């Protein structure tokens, strides 16, 4: 066996203006809070994506990634504050384009009662027959919210460790890992970086992860992040077991040199607009 290192670097943009935490003020959970300085509604993520070369997909198990700037954050608890989300997807974009649902609330989430089998796939949970308290390919304490499970169109059902949910804004002091599933399968691995964490002095964060009943052997077992305050540069590193020991870092660098758009549509056929491809 061999290991991979997947590195992703971005610079905090000066125009990324955080909303008010805990869904207050301009982040209130309603439709009349207006738009931010970039002309986009406060609760709409600013989405950018990058598709990897086939060699990277084969090596890491991730087909593409996205970087979301989320000015208001999402439930639960004090995750309702400005953050950057790095999402690594195990499925192709075309598959995600079919992960649609009927939505409600602000910010929009999937309704709990879906009228189509595609929408109901959002809430299919991959429980083990002989051990229902654990979900395969997820960390031991990862579960959807028991009272208000949150699933997002094109993203899937959110799973997290309830013991690590901050209650107050200042309690969220380190980047946090969560995962998403659709139709019972893991579709993404997510890394949330609180805006406050990369708004102070330079810092370093590191964490390890193990999974229950793991069959997706390439899932990251370690992830690190460094923030350099003078430049605003954030570097993230993900480490896992590689399926292809011949791939090199140059493959990732070549992939970043491409630029395209992908357009998702809602169930009514309305375009949600382009998701801009990241460019190195």
C-alpha atoms as a PDB file:
ATOM      1  CA  UNK A   1       0.000   0.000   0.000  1.00  0.00           C
ATOM      2  CA  UNK A   2       0.967   3.642  -0.348  1.00  0.00           C
ATOM      3  CA  UNK A   3      -0.410   6.987   0.758  1.00  0.00           C
ATOM      4  CA  UNK A   4      -1.594  10.099  -1.028  1.00  0.00           C
ATOM      5  CA  UNK A   5      -1.342  13.754  -0.093  1.00  0.00           C
ATOM      6  CA  UNK A   6      -4.003  16.031  -1.558  1.00  0.00           C
ATOM      7  CA  UNK A   7      -3.165  19.700  -1.086  1.00  0.00           C
ATOM      8  CA  UNK A   8      -5.490  22.608  -1.735  1.00  0.00           C
ATOM      9  CA  UNK A   9      -4.592  26.266  -1.256  1.00  0.00           C
ATOM     10  CA  UNK A  10      -6.815  29.339  -1.382  1.00  0.00           C
ATOM     11  CA  UNK A  11      -6.589  32.963  -0.305  1.00  0.00           C
ATOM     12  CA  UNK A  12      -9.210  34.572   1.896  1.00  0.00           C
ATOM     13  CA  UNK A  13     -10.907  37.150  -0.289  1.00  0.00           C
ATOM     14  CA  UNK A  14     -11.232  40.668   1.149  1.00  0.00           C
ATOM     15  CA  UNK A  15     -14.745  40.961  -0.293  1.00  0.00           C
ATOM     16  CA  UNK A  16     -15.962  37.905   1.642  1.00  0.00           C
ATOM     17  CA  UNK A  17     -18.068  39.772   4.192  1.00  0.00           C
ATOM     18  CA  UNK A  18     -19.411  37.626   7.063  1.00  0.00           C
ATOM     19  CA  UNK A  19     -23.048  37.880   8.059  1.00  0.00           C
ATOM     20  CA  UNK A  20     -24.282  38.120  11.617  1.00  0.00           C
ATOM     21  CA  UNK A  21     -23.886  34.840  13.522  1.00  0.00           C
ATOM     22  CA  UNK A  22     -26.637  32.611  14.916  1.00  0.00           C
ATOM     23  CA  UNK A  23     -29.047  33.624  12.124  1.00  0.00           C
ATOM     24  CA  UNK A  24     -29.489  37.139  13.449  1.00  0.00           C
ATOM     25  CA  UNK A  25     -29.792  40.458  11.567  1.00  0.00           C
ATOM     26  CA  UNK A  26     -28.901  40.070   7.891  1.00  0.00           C
ATOM     27  CA  UNK A  27     -28.704  36.286   8.414  1.00  0.00           C
ATOM     28  CA  UNK A  28     -32.200  35.970   9.871  1.00  0.00           C
ATOM     29  CA  UNK A  29     -33.960  32.836   8.503  1.00  0.00           C
ATOM     30  CA  UNK A  30     -36.309  34.742   6.206  1.00  0.00           C
ATOM     31  CA  UNK A  31     -36.413  35.910   2.600  1.00  0.00           C
ATOM     32  CA  UNK A  32     -36.304  39.692   3.108  1.00  0.00           C
ATOM     33  CA  UNK A  33     -32.766  40.227   4.449  1.00  0.00           C
ATOM     34  CA  UNK A  34     -31.544  41.520   1.093  1.00  0.00           C
ATOM     35  CA  UNK A  35     -28.206  40.764  -0.520  1.00  0.00           C
ATOM     36  CA  UNK A  36     -24.580  41.063   0.534  1.00  0.00           C
ATOM     37  CA  UNK A  37     -22.102  43.484  -1.055  1.00  0.00           C
ATOM     38  CA  UNK A  38     -21.451  40.968  -3.855  1.00  0.00           C
ATOM     39  CA  UNK A  39     -25.121  41.113  -4.897  1.00  0.00           C
ATOM     40  CA  UNK A  40     -25.899  37.553  -3.788  1.00  0.00           C
ATOM     41  CA  UNK A  41     -28.459  36.705  -1.057  1.00  0.00           C
ATOM     42  CA  UNK A  42     -26.866  36.193   2.343  1.00  0.00           C
ATOM     43  CA  UNK A  43     -27.938  32.563   2.674  1.00  0.00           C
ATOM     44  CA  UNK A  44     -26.804  31.504  -0.793  1.00  0.00           C
ATOM     45  CA  UNK A  45     -23.344  29.867  -0.779  1.00  0.00           C
ATOM     46  CA  UNK A  46     -20.730  31.260  -3.151  1.00  0.00           C
ATOM     47  CA  UNK A  47     -19.739  28.091  -4.973  1.00  0.00           C
ATOM     48  CA  UNK A  48     -16.571  27.278  -6.903  1.00  0.00           C
ATOM     49  CA  UNK A  49     -15.536  23.870  -8.088  1.00  0.00           C
ATOM     50  CA  UNK A  50     -12.643  21.931  -9.551  1.00  0.00           C
ATOM     51  CA  UNK A  51     -12.803  18.594 -11.367  1.00  0.00           C
ATOM     52  CA  UNK A  52      -9.782  16.343 -10.889  1.00  0.00           C
ATOM     53  CA  UNK A  53      -7.923  14.437 -13.573  1.00  0.00           C
ATOM     54  CA  UNK A  54      -8.768  10.677 -13.822  1.00  0.00           C
ATOM     55  CA  UNK A  55      -5.494   9.753 -12.113  1.00  0.00           C
ATOM     56  CA  UNK A  56      -6.448  11.798  -9.049  1.00  0.00           C
ATOM     57  CA  UNK A  57      -9.917  10.213  -8.956  1.00  0.00           C
ATOM     58  CA  UNK A  58      -8.383   6.749  -9.149  1.00  0.00           C
ATOM     59  CA  UNK A  59      -5.815   7.530  -6.458  1.00  0.00           C
ATOM     60  CA  UNK A  60      -7.933   9.377  -3.887  1.00  0.00           C
ATOM     61  CA  UNK A  61     -11.482   8.269  -4.639  1.00  0.00           C
ATOM     62  CA  UNK A  62     -12.505  11.919  -5.122  1.00  0.00           C
ATOM     63  CA  UNK A  63     -13.793  13.019  -8.525  1.00  0.00           C
ATOM     64  CA  UNK A  64     -14.021  16.746  -7.873  1.00  0.00           C
ATOM     65  CA  UNK A  65     -14.063  19.315  -5.112  1.00  0.00           C
ATOM     66  CA  UNK A  66     -15.733  22.596  -4.281  1.00  0.00           C
ATOM     67  CA  UNK A  67     -14.967  25.621  -2.136  1.00  0.00           C
ATOM     68  CA  UNK A  68     -18.011  27.364  -0.675  1.00  0.00           C
ATOM     69  CA  UNK A  69     -18.017  30.733   1.042  1.00  0.00           C
ATOM     70  CA  UNK A  70     -21.043  30.571   3.381  1.00  0.00           C
ATOM     71  CA  UNK A  71     -21.573  34.039   4.961  1.00  0.00           C
ATOM     72  CA  UNK A  72     -24.251  32.867   7.422  1.00  0.00           C
ATOM     73  CA  UNK A  73     -23.286  29.243   7.967  1.00  0.00           C
ATOM     74  CA  UNK A  74     -25.813  26.448   8.535  1.00  0.00           C
ATOM     75  CA  UNK A  75     -27.444  24.575  11.386  1.00  0.00           C
ATOM     76  CA  UNK A  76     -26.861  23.137  13.926  1.00  0.00           C
ATOM     77  CA  UNK A  77     -25.758  25.164  16.943  1.00  0.00           C
ATOM     78  CA  UNK A  78     -23.049  27.770  16.498  1.00  0.00           C
ATOM     79  CA  UNK A  79     -22.129  26.425  13.071  1.00  0.00           C
ATOM     80  CA  UNK A  80     -24.540  29.223  12.138  1.00  0.00           C
ATOM     81  CA  UNK A  81     -21.686  31.640  11.445  1.00  0.00           C
ATOM     82  CA  UNK A  82     -19.545  32.598   8.466  1.00  0.00           C
ATOM     83  CA  UNK A  83     -17.288  29.825   7.213  1.00  0.00           C
ATOM     84  CA  UNK A  84     -15.526  28.286   4.245  1.00  0.00           C
ATOM     85  CA  UNK A  85     -16.527  24.758   3.252  1.00  0.00           C
ATOM     86  CA  UNK A  86     -14.130  22.481   1.385  1.00  0.00           C
ATOM     87  CA  UNK A  87     -16.089  19.586  -0.111  1.00  0.00           C
ATOM     88  CA  UNK A  88     -14.494  16.502  -1.665  1.00  0.00           C
ATOM     89  CA  UNK A  89     -16.948  14.463  -3.754  1.00  0.00           C
ATOM     90  CA  UNK A  90     -16.843  10.711  -4.349  1.00  0.00           C
ATOM     91  CA  UNK A  91     -19.378  10.941  -7.202  1.00  0.00           C
ATOM     92  CA  UNK A  92     -19.273  12.698 -10.572  1.00  0.00           C
ATOM     93  CA  UNK A  93     -21.006  16.082 -11.102  1.00  0.00           C
ATOM     94  CA  UNK A  94     -23.562  14.516 -13.430  1.00  0.00           C
ATOM     95  CA  UNK A  95     -24.700  12.251 -10.597  1.00  0.00           C
ATOM     96  CA  UNK A  96     -25.042  15.210  -8.248  1.00  0.00           C
ATOM     97  CA  UNK A  97     -27.171  17.000 -10.848  1.00  0.00           C
ATOM     98  CA  UNK A  98     -29.876  14.374 -10.191  1.00  0.00           C
ATOM     99  CA  UNK A  99     -29.706  14.766  -6.391  1.00  0.00           C
ATOM    100  CA  UNK A 100     -32.724  17.091  -6.278  1.00  0.00           C
ATOM    101  CA  UNK A 101     -35.517  17.529  -3.774  1.00  0.00           C
ATOM    102  CA  UNK A 102     -38.469  19.673  -2.804  1.00  0.00           C
ATOM    103  CA  UNK A 103     -37.188  22.463  -0.563  1.00  0.00           C
ATOM    104  CA  UNK A 104     -38.458  24.671   2.223  1.00  0.00           C
ATOM    105  CA  UNK A 105     -37.110  27.063   4.878  1.00  0.00           C
ATOM    106  CA  UNK A 106     -34.413  29.736   4.633  1.00  0.00           C
ATOM    107  CA  UNK A 107     -31.690  28.742   4.074  1.00  0.00           C
ATOM    108  CA  UNK A 108     -33.196  26.148   1.758  1.00  0.00           C
ATOM    109  CA  UNK A 109     -33.115  22.504   2.849  1.00  0.00           C
ATOM    110  CA  UNK A 110     -34.949  19.427   1.584  1.00  0.00           C
ATOM    111  CA  UNK A 111     -38.463  18.898   2.895  1.00  0.00           C
ATOM    112  CA  UNK A 112     -38.824  15.848   5.111  1.00  0.00           C
ATOM    113  CA  UNK A 113     -41.708  14.389   3.098  1.00  0.00           C
ATOM    114  CA  UNK A 114     -40.613  14.002  -0.510  1.00  0.00           C
ATOM    115  CA  UNK A 115     -43.022  13.103  -3.311  1.00  0.00           C
ATOM    116  CA  UNK A 116     -40.419  11.444  -5.587  1.00  0.00           C
ATOM    117  CA  UNK A 117     -38.068   8.527  -5.042  1.00  0.00           C
ATOM    118  CA  UNK A 118     -35.165  10.811  -6.017  1.00  0.00           C
ATOM    119  CA  UNK A 119     -36.089  13.234  -3.239  1.00  0.00           C
ATOM    120  CA  UNK A 120     -36.618  10.404  -0.743  1.00  0.00           C
ATOM    121  CA  UNK A 121     -33.077   9.259  -1.494  1.00  0.00           C
ATOM    122  CA  UNK A 122     -31.886  12.273   0.493  1.00  0.00           C
ATOM    123  CA  UNK A 123     -33.075  10.640   3.697  1.00  0.00           C
ATOM    124  CA  UNK A 124     -32.029   7.040   3.040  1.00  0.00           C
ATOM    125  CA  UNK A 125     -29.598   6.258   5.866  1.00  0.00           C
ATOM    126  CA  UNK A 126     -26.945   3.520   5.436  1.00  0.00           C
ATOM    127  CA  UNK A 127     -27.551   1.696   8.727  1.00  0.00           C
ATOM    128  CA  UNK A 128     -26.043  -1.720   9.389  1.00  0.00           C
ATOM    129  CA  UNK A 129     -28.546  -4.564   9.827  1.00  0.00           C
ATOM    130  CA  UNK A 130     -26.604  -6.145  12.685  1.00  0.00           C
ATOM    131  CA  UNK A 131     -25.330  -2.898  14.210  1.00  0.00           C
ATOM    132  CA  UNK A 132     -27.769  -0.031  13.477  1.00  0.00           C
ATOM    133  CA  UNK A 133     -26.006   2.423  15.782  1.00  0.00           C
ATOM    134  CA  UNK A 134     -23.111   2.730  13.329  1.00  0.00           C
ATOM    135  CA  UNK A 135     -23.097   3.891   9.723  1.00  0.00           C
ATOM    136  CA  UNK A 136     -20.553   2.326   7.334  1.00  0.00           C
ATOM    137  CA  UNK A 137     -17.768   4.581   6.048  1.00  0.00           C
ATOM    138  CA  UNK A 138     -18.616   7.252   8.605  1.00  0.00           C
ATOM    139  CA  UNK A 139     -16.886   7.989  11.927  1.00  0.00           C
ATOM    140  CA  UNK A 140     -18.383   6.233  14.944  1.00  0.00           C
ATOM    141  CA  UNK A 141     -20.468   9.119  16.321  1.00  0.00           C
ATOM    142  CA  UNK A 142     -21.575  10.564  12.978  1.00  0.00           C
ATOM    143  CA  UNK A 143     -25.351  10.702  12.543  1.00  0.00           C
ATOM    144  CA  UNK A 144     -27.869  13.055  10.926  1.00  0.00           C
ATOM    145  CA  UNK A 145     -29.664  15.443  13.254  1.00  0.00           C
ATOM    146  CA  UNK A 146     -32.219  13.305  15.092  1.00  0.00           C
ATOM    147  CA  UNK A 147     -34.858  16.032  15.311  1.00  0.00           C
ATOM    148  CA  UNK A 148     -34.279  18.143  12.192  1.00  0.00           C
ATOM    149  CA  UNK A 149     -32.122  16.211   9.690  1.00  0.00           C
ATOM    150  CA  UNK A 150     -30.676  18.567   7.081  1.00  0.00           C
ATOM    151  CA  UNK A 151     -30.283  17.530   3.457  1.00  0.00           C
ATOM    152  CA  UNK A 152     -29.279  19.920   0.702  1.00  0.00           C
ATOM    153  CA  UNK A 153     -30.043  19.779  -2.998  1.00  0.00           C
ATOM    154  CA  UNK A 154     -27.035  18.510  -5.002  1.00  0.00           C
ATOM    155  CA  UNK A 155     -25.185  17.819  -1.714  1.00  0.00           C
ATOM    156  CA  UNK A 156     -26.983  15.140   0.322  1.00  0.00           C
ATOM    157  CA  UNK A 157     -27.825  14.417   3.965  1.00  0.00           C
ATOM    158  CA  UNK A 158     -25.497  15.939   6.577  1.00  0.00           C
ATOM    159  CA  UNK A 159     -23.846  13.707   9.213  1.00  0.00           C
ATOM    160  CA  UNK A 160     -21.764  15.022  12.097  1.00  0.00           C
ATOM    161  CA  UNK A 161     -20.591  14.307  15.633  1.00  0.00           C
ATOM    162  CA  UNK A 162     -23.201  15.827  17.943  1.00  0.00           C
ATOM    163  CA  UNK A 163     -20.650  16.015  20.769  1.00  0.00           C
ATOM    164  CA  UNK A 164     -18.606  18.513  18.747  1.00  0.00           C
ATOM    165  CA  UNK A 165     -21.402  20.954  17.920  1.00  0.00           C
ATOM    166  CA  UNK A 166     -20.564  24.346  19.499  1.00  0.00           C
ATOM    167  CA  UNK A 167     -23.304  26.000  21.521  1.00  0.00           C
ATOM    168  CA  UNK A 168     -21.941  29.560  21.423  1.00  0.00           C
ATOM    169  CA  UNK A 169     -20.192  31.417  18.612  1.00  0.00           C
ATOM    170  CA  UNK A 170     -16.899  31.605  20.498  1.00  0.00           C
ATOM    171  CA  UNK A 171     -17.004  27.847  21.189  1.00  0.00           C
ATOM    172  CA  UNK A 172     -16.183  26.999  17.570  1.00  0.00           C
ATOM    173  CA  UNK A 173     -12.434  27.377  17.674  1.00  0.00           C
ATOM    174  CA  UNK A 174     -11.131  24.739  15.207  1.00  0.00           C
ATOM    175  CA  UNK A 175     -12.027  23.536  11.705  1.00  0.00           C
ATOM    176  CA  UNK A 176     -14.572  20.713  11.820  1.00  0.00           C
ATOM    177  CA  UNK A 177     -15.176  17.642   9.666  1.00  0.00           C
ATOM    178  CA  UNK A 178     -18.571  16.343   8.546  1.00  0.00           C
ATOM    179  CA  UNK A 179     -19.835  14.065   5.754  1.00  0.00           C
ATOM    180  CA  UNK A 180     -22.857  13.700   3.487  1.00  0.00           C
ATOM    181  CA  UNK A 181     -24.727  10.721   2.065  1.00  0.00           C
ATOM    182  CA  UNK A 182     -27.298  10.204  -0.657  1.00  0.00           C
ATOM    183  CA  UNK A 183     -29.420   7.080  -1.139  1.00  0.00           C
ATOM    184  CA  UNK A 184     -27.406   5.348   1.567  1.00  0.00           C
ATOM    185  CA  UNK A 185     -23.948   6.029   0.123  1.00  0.00           C
ATOM    186  CA  UNK A 186     -21.232   8.495   1.098  1.00  0.00           C
ATOM    187  CA  UNK A 187     -21.097  11.230  -1.564  1.00  0.00           C
ATOM    188  CA  UNK A 188     -18.851  13.849   0.037  1.00  0.00           C
ATOM    189  CA  UNK A 189     -16.284  14.548   2.720  1.00  0.00           C
ATOM    190  CA  UNK A 190     -16.493  18.083   4.112  1.00  0.00           C
ATOM    191  CA  UNK A 191     -14.121  20.375   6.007  1.00  0.00           C
ATOM    192  CA  UNK A 192     -15.595  23.506   7.583  1.00  0.00           C
ATOM    193  CA  UNK A 193     -13.275  26.393   8.430  1.00  0.00           C
ATOM    194  CA  UNK A 194     -14.820  29.107  10.630  1.00  0.00           C
ATOM    195  CA  UNK A 195     -14.140  32.591   9.302  1.00  0.00           C
ATOM    196  CA  UNK A 196     -13.140  33.713  12.784  1.00  0.00           C
ATOM    197  CA  UNK A 197     -10.387  31.096  12.890  1.00  0.00           C
ATOM    198  CA  UNK A 198      -8.649  32.595   9.866  1.00  0.00           C
ATOM    199  CA  UNK A 199      -9.226  36.213  10.871  1.00  0.00           C
ATOM    200  CA  UNK A 200      -6.667  36.388  13.646  1.00  0.00           C
ATOM    201  CA  UNK A 201      -2.982  35.424  13.918  1.00  0.00           C
ATOM    202  CA  UNK A 202      -1.359  32.662  11.880  1.00  0.00           C
ATOM    203  CA  UNK A 203      -2.457  29.215  13.014  1.00  0.00           C
ATOM    204  CA  UNK A 204      -2.149  25.473  12.434  1.00  0.00           C
ATOM    205  CA  UNK A 205      -4.832  22.790  12.886  1.00  0.00           C
ATOM    206  CA  UNK A 206      -4.490  19.022  12.659  1.00  0.00           C
ATOM    207  CA  UNK A 207      -6.870  16.104  13.173  1.00  0.00           C
ATOM    208  CA  UNK A 208      -7.108  12.359  12.565  1.00  0.00           C
ATOM    209  CA  UNK A 209     -10.130  10.262  11.686  1.00  0.00           C
ATOM    210  CA  UNK A 210     -11.129   6.611  11.658  1.00  0.00           C
ATOM    211  CA  UNK A 211     -14.283   5.114  10.156  1.00  0.00           C
ATOM    212  CA  UNK A 212     -16.619   2.292  11.110  1.00  0.00           C
ATOM    213  CA  UNK A 213     -17.075  -0.687   8.786  1.00  0.00           C
ATOM    214  CA  UNK A 214     -14.886   1.063   6.237  1.00  0.00           C
ATOM    215  CA  UNK A 215     -15.089  -0.143   2.641  1.00  0.00           C
ATOM    216  CA  UNK A 216     -14.070   3.152   1.014  1.00  0.00           C
ATOM    217  CA  UNK A 217     -10.427   2.738   1.931  1.00  0.00           C
ATOM    218  CA  UNK A 218      -9.269   6.015   0.371  1.00  0.00           C
ATOM    219  CA  UNK A 219     -11.167   8.279   2.783  1.00  0.00           C
ATOM    220  CA  UNK A 220      -8.769  10.714   4.503  1.00  0.00           C
ATOM    221  CA  UNK A 221      -7.427   9.520   7.844  1.00  0.00           C
ATOM    222  CA  UNK A 222      -5.598  12.791   8.526  1.00  0.00           C
ATOM    223  CA  UNK A 223      -6.197  16.412   7.584  1.00  0.00           C
ATOM    224  CA  UNK A 224      -4.127  19.498   8.360  1.00  0.00           C
ATOM    225  CA  UNK A 225      -4.561  23.214   7.779  1.00  0.00           C
ATOM    226  CA  UNK A 226      -2.257  26.214   8.027  1.00  0.00           C
ATOM    227  CA  UNK A 227      -3.254  29.869   7.896  1.00  0.00           C
ATOM    228  CA  UNK A 228      -0.753  32.642   7.222  1.00  0.00           C
ATOM    229  CA  UNK A 229      -2.151  35.910   8.543  1.00  0.00           C
ATOM    230  CA  UNK A 230      -0.054  38.435   6.580  1.00  0.00           C
ATOM    231  CA  UNK A 231      -1.096  36.968   3.220  1.00  0.00           C
ATOM    232  CA  UNK A 232      -4.479  35.432   4.048  1.00  0.00           C
ATOM    233  CA  UNK A 233      -3.355  32.147   2.474  1.00  0.00           C
ATOM    234  CA  UNK A 234      -5.016  28.948   3.704  1.00  0.00           C
ATOM    235  CA  UNK A 235      -3.327  25.623   2.929  1.00  0.00           C
ATOM    236  CA  UNK A 236      -5.167  22.359   3.516  1.00  0.00           C
ATOM    237  CA  UNK A 237      -3.702  18.850   3.337  1.00  0.00           C
ATOM    238  CA  UNK A 238      -5.613  15.589   3.181  1.00  0.00           C
ATOM    239  CA  UNK A 239      -3.912  12.200   3.628  1.00  0.00           C
ATOM    240  CA  UNK A 240      -5.284   8.758   2.849  1.00  0.00           C
ATOM    241  CA  UNK A 241      -4.521   5.314   1.458  1.00  0.00           C
ATOM    242  CA  UNK A 242      -3.845   5.580  -2.275  1.00  0.00           C
ATOM    243  CA  UNK A 243      -5.332   3.165  -4.787  1.00  0.00           C
ATOM    244  CA  UNK A 244      -2.860   4.249  -7.464  1.00  0.00           C
ATOM    245  CA  UNK A 245       0.741   4.423  -6.289  1.00  0.00           C
ATOM    246  CA  UNK A 246       1.998   5.845  -9.610  1.00  0.00           C
ATOM    247  CA  UNK A 247       0.168   9.193  -9.523  1.00  0.00           C
ATOM    248  CA  UNK A 248       2.102  12.375  -8.783  1.00  0.00           C
ATOM    249  CA  UNK A 249       1.268  15.852  -7.548  1.00  0.00           C
ATOM    250  CA  UNK A 250       1.755  17.258 -11.052  1.00  0.00           C
ATOM    251  CA  UNK A 251      -1.571  15.710 -12.000  1.00  0.00           C
ATOM    252  CA  UNK A 252      -3.400  17.962  -9.545  1.00  0.00           C
ATOM    253  CA  UNK A 253      -1.489  21.016 -10.715  1.00  0.00           C
ATOM    254  CA  UNK A 254      -2.445  20.295 -14.329  1.00  0.00           C
ATOM    255  CA  UNK A 255      -6.100  19.949 -13.351  1.00  0.00           C
ATOM    256  CA  UNK A 256      -6.161  23.390 -11.724  1.00  0.00           C
ATOM    257  CA  UNK A 257      -5.139  25.005 -15.011  1.00  0.00           C
ATOM    258  CA  UNK A 258      -8.540  24.232 -16.548  1.00  0.00           C
ATOM    259  CA  UNK A 259     -11.552  26.520 -16.368  1.00  0.00           C
ATOM    260  CA  UNK A 260     -15.195  25.727 -17.116  1.00  0.00           C
ATOM    261  CA  UNK A 261     -18.668  26.263 -15.680  1.00  0.00           C
ATOM    262  CA  UNK A 262     -21.276  23.734 -14.665  1.00  0.00           C
ATOM    263  CA  UNK A 263     -24.932  24.721 -14.346  1.00  0.00           C
ATOM    264  CA  UNK A 264     -27.260  22.860 -12.008  1.00  0.00           C
ATOM    265  CA  UNK A 265     -31.037  23.174 -12.296  1.00  0.00           C
ATOM    266  CA  UNK A 266     -33.750  22.872  -9.699  1.00  0.00           C
ATOM    267  CA  UNK A 267     -36.595  20.308 -10.058  1.00  0.00           C
ATOM    268  CA  UNK A 268     -38.702  22.895 -11.946  1.00  0.00           C
ATOM    269  CA  UNK A 269     -36.033  23.352 -14.587  1.00  0.00           C
ATOM    270  CA  UNK A 270     -34.839  26.735 -13.356  1.00  0.00           C
ATOM    271  CA  UNK A 271     -31.125  27.338 -13.515  1.00  0.00           C
ATOM    272  CA  UNK A 272     -29.376  27.991 -10.212  1.00  0.00           C
ATOM    273  CA  UNK A 273     -26.583  29.725 -12.115  1.00  0.00           C
ATOM    274  CA  UNK A 274     -23.035  28.712 -12.843  1.00  0.00           C
ATOM    275  CA  UNK A 275     -20.769  27.189 -10.262  1.00  0.00           C
ATOM    276  CA  UNK A 276     -17.447  28.688 -11.175  1.00  0.00           C
ATOM    277  CA  UNK A 277     -14.475  26.436 -11.658  1.00  0.00           C
ATOM    278  CA  UNK A 278     -11.520  27.248  -9.447  1.00  0.00           C
ATOM    279  CA  UNK A 279      -8.458  28.478 -11.240  1.00  0.00           C
ATOM    280  CA  UNK A 280      -4.862  28.216 -10.028  1.00  0.00           C
END
